Amino acid sequence: MLAALQTFLESSIKQGPKALAGIAVATGMVIFMPENLASSLGVNAFRTSNRGVFGWSFIASTSLLATYALWWVGGLIKSHYKKQRLRQIRESQLYELTAEELRFLAPYICEDTSTRNAAIDNGVARGLEAKEIIFRASVVGAYHQIPFNIRPWACRYLKSRRELLEGLATKNDRDEDDDC
């Protein structure tokens, strides 16, 4: 009996938290149910003779479930920390852009557009692409022009921090004194 229960526990551990939860609930019910209910279900004698096995199974399954839960919570915290750190890095990247790079990004915000064409050999566009601030919307372009889209996080941030674009005229404007 003990060998069969050990085999059952080992296979349940391989199944993961759902199987362990089932074992924890079942063994907990057998251990903690009132004696009159155990007698009416016909498990009282079996429970009494195998109380140690049920106890160890309950302790093992609840311990493993708690470990799974802690590991899951730790993963959530780690994921949140990584997202926050990535956001901070991205925001600092936007503050470190050159005037020429900001001038390239200004039409996305000032003209409220998500796509802008740039020459295939435009170093500013390719640099912003490498920094993952913009991306190629298509590999096909017309007249040696490639469409570039601004990433949503960069667009949201620049719209909320228009001071980064102050004093920059958009390339499409003829009057160089116009601000965003």
C-alpha atoms as a PDB file:
ATOM      1  CA  MET A   1       0.000   0.000   0.000  1.00  0.00           C
ATOM      2  CA  LEU A   2       2.770   2.421   0.963  1.00  0.00           C
ATOM      3  CA  ALA A   3       4.684   1.719  -2.275  1.00  0.00           C
ATOM      4  CA  ALA A   4       1.541   2.346  -4.335  1.00  0.00           C
ATOM      5  CA  LEU A   5       0.932   5.664  -2.556  1.00  0.00           C
ATOM      6  CA  GLN A   6       4.563   6.677  -3.085  1.00  0.00           C
ATOM      7  CA  THR A   7       4.270   5.914  -6.809  1.00  0.00           C
ATOM      8  CA  PHE A   8       1.018   7.882  -6.944  1.00  0.00           C
ATOM      9  CA  LEU A   9       2.642  10.887  -5.241  1.00  0.00           C
ATOM     10  CA  GLU A  10       5.654  10.802  -7.557  1.00  0.00           C
ATOM     11  CA  SER A  11       3.481  10.732 -10.662  1.00  0.00           C
ATOM     12  CA  SER A  12       1.311  13.524  -9.228  1.00  0.00           C
ATOM     13  CA  ILE A  13       4.360  15.710  -8.688  1.00  0.00           C
ATOM     14  CA  LYS A  14       5.207  15.260 -12.352  1.00  0.00           C
ATOM     15  CA  GLN A  15       1.656  16.335 -13.264  1.00  0.00           C
ATOM     16  CA  GLY A  16       2.099  19.675 -11.525  1.00  0.00           C
ATOM     17  CA  PRO A  17       0.088  21.880  -9.192  1.00  0.00           C
ATOM     18  CA  LYS A  18      -3.378  20.706 -10.252  1.00  0.00           C
ATOM     19  CA  ALA A  19      -2.710  17.118  -9.235  1.00  0.00           C
ATOM     20  CA  LEU A  20      -1.000  18.248  -6.033  1.00  0.00           C
ATOM     21  CA  ALA A  21      -4.021  20.382  -5.150  1.00  0.00           C
ATOM     22  CA  GLY A  22      -6.227  17.351  -5.590  1.00  0.00           C
ATOM     23  CA  ILE A  23      -4.004  15.274  -3.308  1.00  0.00           C
ATOM     24  CA  ALA A  24      -3.866  18.060  -0.707  1.00  0.00           C
ATOM     25  CA  VAL A  25      -7.656  18.411  -0.683  1.00  0.00           C
ATOM     26  CA  ALA A  26      -8.300  14.654  -0.605  1.00  0.00           C
ATOM     27  CA  THR A  27      -5.773  13.875   2.123  1.00  0.00           C
ATOM     28  CA  GLY A  28      -6.841  16.944   4.094  1.00  0.00           C
ATOM     29  CA  MET A  29     -10.457  15.809   3.955  1.00  0.00           C
ATOM     30  CA  VAL A  30      -9.565  12.299   5.077  1.00  0.00           C
ATOM     31  CA  ILE A  31      -7.410  13.599   7.942  1.00  0.00           C
ATOM     32  CA  PHE A  32      -9.673  16.369   9.192  1.00  0.00           C
ATOM     33  CA  MET A  33     -13.190  15.048   8.531  1.00  0.00           C
ATOM     34  CA  PRO A  34     -15.321  14.318  11.608  1.00  0.00           C
ATOM     35  CA  GLU A  35     -15.325  10.726  12.790  1.00  0.00           C
ATOM     36  CA  ASN A  36     -19.068  10.238  12.257  1.00  0.00           C
ATOM     37  CA  LEU A  37     -18.727  11.327   8.580  1.00  0.00           C
ATOM     38  CA  ALA A  38     -15.686   9.063   8.110  1.00  0.00           C
ATOM     39  CA  SER A  39     -17.662   6.143   9.572  1.00  0.00           C
ATOM     40  CA  SER A  40     -20.640   6.793   7.305  1.00  0.00           C
ATOM     41  CA  LEU A  41     -18.332   6.946   4.252  1.00  0.00           C
ATOM     42  CA  GLY A  42     -16.585   3.753   5.346  1.00  0.00           C
ATOM     43  CA  VAL A  43     -13.088   5.279   5.495  1.00  0.00           C
ATOM     44  CA  ASN A  44     -12.672   5.519   9.269  1.00  0.00           C
ATOM     45  CA  ALA A  45     -10.833   2.206   9.732  1.00  0.00           C
ATOM     46  CA  PHE A  46      -8.664   2.834   6.664  1.00  0.00           C
ATOM     47  CA  ARG A  47      -7.939   6.382   7.851  1.00  0.00           C
ATOM     48  CA  THR A  48      -6.973   5.179  11.333  1.00  0.00           C
ATOM     49  CA  SER A  49      -4.641   2.458  10.092  1.00  0.00           C
ATOM     50  CA  ASN A  50      -2.927   4.759   7.514  1.00  0.00           C
ATOM     51  CA  ARG A  51      -3.005   8.089   9.344  1.00  0.00           C
ATOM     52  CA  GLY A  52       0.761   8.574   8.981  1.00  0.00           C
ATOM     53  CA  VAL A  53       0.657   8.031   5.222  1.00  0.00           C
ATOM     54  CA  PHE A  54      -2.196  10.506   4.850  1.00  0.00           C
ATOM     55  CA  GLY A  55      -0.431  13.003   7.094  1.00  0.00           C
ATOM     56  CA  TRP A  56       2.841  12.848   5.153  1.00  0.00           C
ATOM     57  CA  SER A  57       0.979  13.022   1.842  1.00  0.00           C
ATOM     58  CA  PHE A  58      -0.895  16.104   3.037  1.00  0.00           C
ATOM     59  CA  ILE A  59       2.278  17.789   4.283  1.00  0.00           C
ATOM     60  CA  ALA A  60       4.215  16.955   1.095  1.00  0.00           C
ATOM     61  CA  SER A  61       1.484  18.075  -1.292  1.00  0.00           C
ATOM     62  CA  THR A  62       0.732  21.333   0.547  1.00  0.00           C
ATOM     63  CA  SER A  63       4.463  22.083   0.825  1.00  0.00           C
ATOM     64  CA  LEU A  64       4.960  21.553  -2.887  1.00  0.00           C
ATOM     65  CA  LEU A  65       1.877  23.660  -3.650  1.00  0.00           C
ATOM     66  CA  ALA A  66       3.259  26.456  -1.487  1.00  0.00           C
ATOM     67  CA  THR A  67       6.568  26.192  -3.356  1.00  0.00           C
ATOM     68  CA  TYR A  68       4.778  26.419  -6.698  1.00  0.00           C
ATOM     69  CA  ALA A  69       2.837  29.440  -5.448  1.00  0.00           C
ATOM     70  CA  LEU A  70       5.979  31.198  -4.203  1.00  0.00           C
ATOM     71  CA  TRP A  71       7.766  30.443  -7.469  1.00  0.00           C
ATOM     72  CA  TRP A  72       4.821  31.839  -9.442  1.00  0.00           C
ATOM     73  CA  VAL A  73       4.677  35.012  -7.322  1.00  0.00           C
ATOM     74  CA  GLY A  74       8.437  35.387  -7.689  1.00  0.00           C
ATOM     75  CA  GLY A  75       8.049  35.126 -11.465  1.00  0.00           C
ATOM     76  CA  LEU A  76       5.399  37.847 -11.424  1.00  0.00           C
ATOM     77  CA  ILE A  77       7.610  40.133  -9.357  1.00  0.00           C
ATOM     78  CA  LYS A  78      10.601  39.453 -11.613  1.00  0.00           C
ATOM     79  CA  SER A  79       8.503  40.119 -14.728  1.00  0.00           C
ATOM     80  CA  HIS A  80       7.206  43.377 -13.262  1.00  0.00           C
ATOM     81  CA  TYR A  81      10.744  44.452 -12.359  1.00  0.00           C
ATOM     82  CA  LYS A  82      11.982  43.646 -15.876  1.00  0.00           C
ATOM     83  CA  LYS A  83       9.133  45.666 -17.426  1.00  0.00           C
ATOM     84  CA  GLN A  84       9.857  48.624 -15.166  1.00  0.00           C
ATOM     85  CA  ARG A  85      13.567  48.469 -15.956  1.00  0.00           C
ATOM     86  CA  LEU A  86      12.880  48.249 -19.707  1.00  0.00           C
ATOM     87  CA  ARG A  87      10.552  51.256 -19.450  1.00  0.00           C
ATOM     88  CA  GLN A  88      13.242  53.254 -17.640  1.00  0.00           C
ATOM     89  CA  ILE A  89      15.844  52.326 -20.258  1.00  0.00           C
ATOM     90  CA  ARG A  90      13.512  53.297 -23.098  1.00  0.00           C
ATOM     91  CA  GLU A  91      12.625  56.611 -21.511  1.00  0.00           C
ATOM     92  CA  SER A  92      16.271  57.443 -20.898  1.00  0.00           C
ATOM     93  CA  GLN A  93      17.000  56.597 -24.543  1.00  0.00           C
ATOM     94  CA  LEU A  94      14.483  59.221 -25.644  1.00  0.00           C
ATOM     95  CA  TYR A  95      16.160  61.838 -23.457  1.00  0.00           C
ATOM     96  CA  GLU A  96      19.553  61.005 -24.956  1.00  0.00           C
ATOM     97  CA  LEU A  97      18.521  61.431 -28.603  1.00  0.00           C
ATOM     98  CA  THR A  98      20.304  63.978 -30.733  1.00  0.00           C
ATOM     99  CA  ALA A  99      18.493  67.019 -32.133  1.00  0.00           C
ATOM    100  CA  GLU A 100      18.553  65.388 -35.558  1.00  0.00           C
ATOM    101  CA  GLU A 101      16.895  62.228 -34.216  1.00  0.00           C
ATOM    102  CA  LEU A 102      14.268  64.260 -32.365  1.00  0.00           C
ATOM    103  CA  ARG A 103      13.651  66.283 -35.532  1.00  0.00           C
ATOM    104  CA  PHE A 104      13.012  62.995 -37.365  1.00  0.00           C
ATOM    105  CA  LEU A 105      10.518  61.907 -34.672  1.00  0.00           C
ATOM    106  CA  ALA A 106       8.715  65.260 -34.413  1.00  0.00           C
ATOM    107  CA  PRO A 107       6.299  64.675 -37.350  1.00  0.00           C
ATOM    108  CA  TYR A 108       5.014  61.504 -35.699  1.00  0.00           C
ATOM    109  CA  ILE A 109       3.837  63.611 -32.758  1.00  0.00           C
ATOM    110  CA  CYS A 110       3.196  67.041 -34.281  1.00  0.00           C
ATOM    111  CA  GLU A 111       1.371  65.762 -37.351  1.00  0.00           C
ATOM    112  CA  ASP A 112      -0.244  62.895 -35.429  1.00  0.00           C
ATOM    113  CA  THR A 113       0.886  60.253 -37.874  1.00  0.00           C
ATOM    114  CA  SER A 114       2.125  56.758 -37.256  1.00  0.00           C
ATOM    115  CA  THR A 115       3.999  56.243 -40.521  1.00  0.00           C
ATOM    116  CA  ARG A 116       6.765  58.214 -42.143  1.00  0.00           C
ATOM    117  CA  ASN A 117       8.808  57.454 -45.240  1.00  0.00           C
ATOM    118  CA  ALA A 118      12.565  57.730 -45.196  1.00  0.00           C
ATOM    119  CA  ALA A 119      15.304  56.966 -47.678  1.00  0.00           C
ATOM    120  CA  ILE A 120      16.799  53.515 -47.584  1.00  0.00           C
ATOM    121  CA  ASP A 121      20.167  54.981 -46.651  1.00  0.00           C
ATOM    122  CA  ASN A 122      18.850  57.449 -44.035  1.00  0.00           C
ATOM    123  CA  GLY A 123      21.239  56.999 -41.122  1.00  0.00           C
ATOM    124  CA  VAL A 124      18.980  58.735 -38.620  1.00  0.00           C
ATOM    125  CA  ALA A 125      16.048  56.442 -39.417  1.00  0.00           C
ATOM    126  CA  ARG A 126      18.246  53.369 -39.323  1.00  0.00           C
ATOM    127  CA  GLY A 127      19.750  54.480 -35.995  1.00  0.00           C
ATOM    128  CA  LEU A 128      16.292  54.962 -34.488  1.00  0.00           C
ATOM    129  CA  GLU A 129      15.350  51.559 -35.850  1.00  0.00           C
ATOM    130  CA  ALA A 130      18.401  50.020 -34.181  1.00  0.00           C
ATOM    131  CA  LYS A 131      17.385  51.690 -30.897  1.00  0.00           C
ATOM    132  CA  GLU A 132      13.907  50.120 -31.371  1.00  0.00           C
ATOM    133  CA  ILE A 133      12.140  53.491 -31.315  1.00  0.00           C
ATOM    134  CA  ILE A 134      10.811  53.084 -34.854  1.00  0.00           C
ATOM    135  CA  PHE A 135      10.419  50.021 -37.037  1.00  0.00           C
ATOM    136  CA  ARG A 136      10.037  49.288 -40.718  1.00  0.00           C
ATOM    137  CA  ALA A 137       6.362  49.010 -41.543  1.00  0.00           C
ATOM    138  CA  SER A 138       7.178  47.247 -44.795  1.00  0.00           C
ATOM    139  CA  VAL A 139      10.235  45.979 -46.615  1.00  0.00           C
ATOM    140  CA  VAL A 140       8.752  47.268 -49.838  1.00  0.00           C
ATOM    141  CA  GLY A 141       8.962  50.954 -50.555  1.00  0.00           C
ATOM    142  CA  ALA A 142       8.524  53.332 -53.454  1.00  0.00           C
ATOM    143  CA  TYR A 143      11.273  55.439 -55.002  1.00  0.00           C
ATOM    144  CA  HIS A 144      13.916  54.208 -52.546  1.00  0.00           C
ATOM    145  CA  GLN A 145      11.709  55.217 -49.608  1.00  0.00           C
ATOM    146  CA  ILE A 146      10.824  52.828 -46.780  1.00  0.00           C
ATOM    147  CA  PRO A 147       7.845  53.410 -44.472  1.00  0.00           C
ATOM    148  CA  PHE A 148       8.781  53.576 -40.794  1.00  0.00           C
ATOM    149  CA  ASN A 149       6.296  53.441 -37.919  1.00  0.00           C
ATOM    150  CA  ILE A 150       6.913  54.770 -34.457  1.00  0.00           C
ATOM    151  CA  ARG A 151       6.604  52.244 -31.670  1.00  0.00           C
ATOM    152  CA  PRO A 152       3.495  52.830 -29.530  1.00  0.00           C
ATOM    153  CA  TRP A 153       5.448  53.236 -26.273  1.00  0.00           C
ATOM    154  CA  ALA A 154       7.652  55.924 -27.865  1.00  0.00           C
ATOM    155  CA  CYS A 155       4.649  57.738 -29.325  1.00  0.00           C
ATOM    156  CA  ARG A 156       2.823  57.749 -25.973  1.00  0.00           C
ATOM    157  CA  TYR A 157       5.898  58.957 -24.142  1.00  0.00           C
ATOM    158  CA  LEU A 158       6.728  61.716 -26.612  1.00  0.00           C
ATOM    159  CA  LYS A 159       3.107  62.909 -26.595  1.00  0.00           C
ATOM    160  CA  SER A 160       3.219  63.137 -22.816  1.00  0.00           C
ATOM    161  CA  ARG A 161       6.661  64.836 -22.867  1.00  0.00           C
ATOM    162  CA  ARG A 162       6.351  67.370 -25.649  1.00  0.00           C
ATOM    163  CA  GLU A 163       9.140  69.409 -24.041  1.00  0.00           C
ATOM    164  CA  LEU A 164      11.580  66.994 -25.713  1.00  0.00           C
ATOM    165  CA  LEU A 165      10.403  68.310 -29.062  1.00  0.00           C
ATOM    166  CA  GLU A 166      10.296  72.004 -28.156  1.00  0.00           C
ATOM    167  CA  GLY A 167      12.177  74.215 -30.550  1.00  0.00           C
ATOM    168  CA  LEU A 168      12.258  71.565 -33.272  1.00  0.00           C
ATOM    169  CA  ALA A 169      10.526  72.279 -36.544  1.00  0.00           C
ATOM    170  CA  THR A 170       9.098  69.370 -38.480  1.00  0.00           C
ATOM    171  CA  LYS A 171      10.871  68.565 -41.723  1.00  0.00           C
ATOM    172  CA  ASN A 172       7.664  68.980 -43.689  1.00  0.00           C
ATOM    173  CA  ASP A 173       7.184  72.546 -42.493  1.00  0.00           C
ATOM    174  CA  ARG A 174       8.669  75.286 -44.635  1.00  0.00           C
ATOM    175  CA  ASP A 175       8.755  77.783 -41.793  1.00  0.00           C
ATOM    176  CA  GLU A 176      11.703  76.684 -39.654  1.00  0.00           C
ATOM    177  CA  ASP A 177      10.445  78.676 -36.622  1.00  0.00           C
ATOM    178  CA  ASP A 178       7.286  76.637 -36.103  1.00  0.00           C
ATOM    179  CA  ASP A 179       7.253  74.417 -33.062  1.00  0.00           C
ATOM    180  CA  CYS A 180       5.452  71.196 -32.517  1.00  0.00           C
END
